[in-house]
Amino acid sequence: MNIRAARSEDLDAIKALLAENELPVADINLALLVDFLVAEDVDGKIVGSVGLERFGRSALLRSLVSAGTVRKNGLGKRLLAHVELMARASDVFDLWLLTTTAAGFFRRAGYADAERGAASAEVQASTQFAELCPASAVCMTKGL
């Protein structure tokens, strides 16, 4: 598996993978891809993605997904580790996320449950927080 920076031509494949896994795609656009990573299989097919949406020294962890064909082989952990390194290298102080299905995965990776209101005003105003994820989604954070 090769993990690399996302390119503009990856947009449709990323959105398709997210849609297949019932994750939000409405606000995924070329501008957001600047801070996205993708995982490719040996044939060059995109089988995973993860991204950051930056708000000063805070960032929203976005779109961590792996294709069903490669799930349970550690790809999610590898993608998460790569994006956390990317965040640290660019002076991000804390990561935030919303999840409806993967709270256990993120807890095992060191994320803690948090109140949505504890996130910065910029994070709370993001489309992800304000519109796309339901109020029932678990909010989590991790200091870097």
Protein backbone atom coordinates (compact mmCIF):
# COMPACT_ATOMS: atom_id res chain seq x y z
CA MET A 1 0.00 0.00 0.00
CA ASN A 2 1.32 3.41 -0.96
CA ILE A 3 0.24 6.48 1.01
CA ARG A 4 0.71 9.80 -0.78
CA ALA A 5 -0.61 13.34 -0.97
CA ALA A 6 -3.94 13.60 -2.77
CA ARG A 7 -3.98 15.19 -6.21
CA SER A 8 -6.79 16.99 -7.99
CA GLU A 9 -7.49 13.98 -10.19
CA ASP A 10 -8.19 11.92 -7.04
CA LEU A 11 -11.28 13.96 -6.09
CA ASP A 12 -13.89 11.74 -7.74
CA ALA A 13 -12.34 8.52 -6.38
CA ILE A 14 -12.18 9.96 -2.85
CA LYS A 15 -15.79 11.11 -3.02
CA ALA A 16 -16.90 7.72 -4.36
CA LEU A 17 -15.08 5.88 -1.57
CA LEU A 18 -16.63 8.17 1.05
CA ALA A 19 -20.12 7.75 -0.43
CA GLU A 20 -19.72 3.94 -0.53
CA ASN A 21 -19.00 4.08 3.20
CA GLU A 22 -21.83 6.51 3.99
CA LEU A 23 -19.52 9.38 4.96
CA PRO A 24 -20.18 13.04 4.10
CA VAL A 25 -19.06 14.20 0.66
CA ALA A 26 -21.01 17.43 0.16
CA ASP A 27 -18.15 19.74 1.11
CA ILE A 28 -15.22 17.72 -0.24
CA ASN A 29 -13.70 19.86 -2.97
CA LEU A 30 -10.38 20.61 -4.66
CA ALA A 31 -9.44 23.28 -2.11
CA LEU A 32 -9.83 20.80 0.75
CA LEU A 33 -7.64 18.20 -1.00
CA VAL A 34 -4.55 20.28 -0.20
CA ASP A 35 -4.41 18.52 3.17
CA PHE A 36 -5.63 15.07 2.13
CA LEU A 37 -3.73 11.81 1.84
CA VAL A 38 -4.76 8.75 -0.13
CA ALA A 39 -3.76 5.10 0.00
CA GLU A 40 -3.32 3.22 -3.26
CA ASP A 41 -3.27 -0.53 -3.74
CA VAL A 42 -0.68 -2.24 -5.96
CA ASP A 43 -2.78 -1.43 -9.03
CA GLY A 44 -2.91 2.28 -8.19
CA LYS A 45 -6.56 2.20 -7.12
CA ILE A 46 -7.44 4.52 -4.24
CA VAL A 47 -8.52 2.36 -1.30
CA GLY A 48 -8.26 4.87 1.54
CA SER A 49 -8.21 8.54 2.40
CA VAL A 50 -7.87 10.96 5.29
CA GLY A 51 -7.63 14.71 5.49
CA LEU A 52 -7.36 17.80 7.61
CA GLU A 53 -9.46 20.91 7.53
CA ARG A 54 -7.36 23.60 9.22
CA PHE A 55 -8.54 26.36 11.50
CA GLY A 56 -5.44 28.11 12.79
CA ARG A 57 -3.67 25.78 15.23
CA SER A 58 -6.68 23.44 15.36
CA ALA A 59 -7.74 21.07 12.63
CA LEU A 60 -10.71 18.91 11.91
CA LEU A 61 -9.81 15.32 11.02
CA ARG A 62 -11.81 14.48 7.91
CA SER A 63 -12.79 11.52 5.83
CA LEU A 64 -10.76 8.68 7.32
CA VAL A 65 -11.96 5.76 5.25
CA SER A 66 -10.70 2.48 3.86
CA ALA A 67 -12.34 0.32 1.24
CA GLY A 68 -14.08 -2.82 2.47
CA THR A 69 -11.63 -4.94 0.49
CA VAL A 70 -8.70 -3.75 2.63
CA ARG A 71 -10.41 -3.11 5.94
CA LYS A 72 -9.03 -4.81 9.06
CA ASN A 73 -5.44 -4.80 7.77
CA GLY A 74 -4.24 -1.71 9.65
CA LEU A 75 -4.69 0.80 6.83
CA GLY A 76 -6.86 3.08 8.99
CA LYS A 77 -4.15 3.20 11.66
CA ARG A 78 -1.48 3.92 9.06
CA LEU A 79 -3.50 6.72 7.48
CA LEU A 80 -4.23 8.21 10.90
CA ALA A 81 -0.55 8.11 11.88
CA HIS A 82 0.43 9.82 8.60
CA VAL A 83 -2.12 12.61 8.95
CA GLU A 84 -1.16 13.20 12.59
CA LEU A 85 2.50 13.57 11.54
CA MET A 86 1.44 15.96 8.80
CA ALA A 87 -0.55 17.99 11.34
CA ARG A 88 2.33 18.15 13.84
CA ALA A 89 4.77 19.21 11.10
CA SER A 90 2.52 22.16 10.25
CA ASP A 91 2.08 23.36 13.86
CA VAL A 92 -1.42 22.04 14.42
CA PHE A 93 -1.94 21.93 18.18
CA ASP A 94 -5.09 19.81 18.42
CA LEU A 95 -7.25 17.61 16.23
CA TRP A 96 -11.05 17.37 16.39
CA LEU A 97 -13.42 14.92 14.76
CA LEU A 98 -17.02 13.79 14.64
CA THR A 99 -17.93 10.15 14.18
CA THR A 100 -21.08 8.09 14.20
CA THR A 101 -19.43 4.69 13.76
CA ALA A 102 -15.75 4.70 14.77
CA ALA A 103 -15.52 6.11 18.31
CA GLY A 104 -13.86 2.93 19.59
CA PHE A 105 -11.19 3.07 16.89
CA PHE A 106 -10.36 6.67 17.74
CA ARG A 107 -10.37 6.06 21.51
CA ARG A 108 -7.80 3.29 20.98
CA ALA A 109 -5.72 5.83 19.02
CA GLY A 110 -5.67 8.27 21.94
CA TYR A 111 -8.65 10.49 21.13
CA ALA A 112 -10.91 11.54 23.99
CA ASP A 113 -14.63 12.28 23.95
CA ALA A 114 -15.36 15.99 24.12
CA GLU A 115 -18.31 18.33 24.11
CA ARG A 116 -18.87 19.96 20.73
CA GLY A 117 -18.89 23.32 22.45
CA ALA A 118 -15.29 22.80 23.60
CA ALA A 119 -13.98 23.11 20.04
CA SER A 120 -12.88 26.52 18.80
CA ALA A 121 -15.52 28.75 17.25
CA GLU A 122 -13.91 28.21 13.82
CA VAL A 123 -14.14 24.41 14.11
CA GLN A 124 -17.73 24.66 15.32
CA ALA A 125 -18.60 26.89 12.34
CA SER A 126 -17.25 24.35 9.82
CA THR A 127 -19.73 22.72 7.48
CA GLN A 128 -18.87 19.35 9.04
CA PHE A 129 -19.81 20.52 12.55
CA ALA A 130 -22.63 22.90 11.69
CA GLU A 131 -24.45 21.02 8.93
CA LEU A 132 -23.22 17.58 7.87
CA CYS A 133 -22.79 15.53 11.04
CA PRO A 134 -25.82 14.85 13.21
CA ALA A 135 -26.04 16.01 16.80
CA SER A 136 -25.79 12.33 17.78
CA ALA A 137 -22.22 12.10 16.38
CA VAL A 138 -19.51 11.62 18.98
CA CYS A 139 -17.15 14.58 19.20
CA MET A 140 -13.55 13.70 19.97
CA THR A 141 -10.23 15.49 20.31
CA LYS A 142 -6.53 14.78 20.64
CA GLY A 143 -3.77 17.18 21.58
CA LEU A 144 -0.63 16.96 19.53
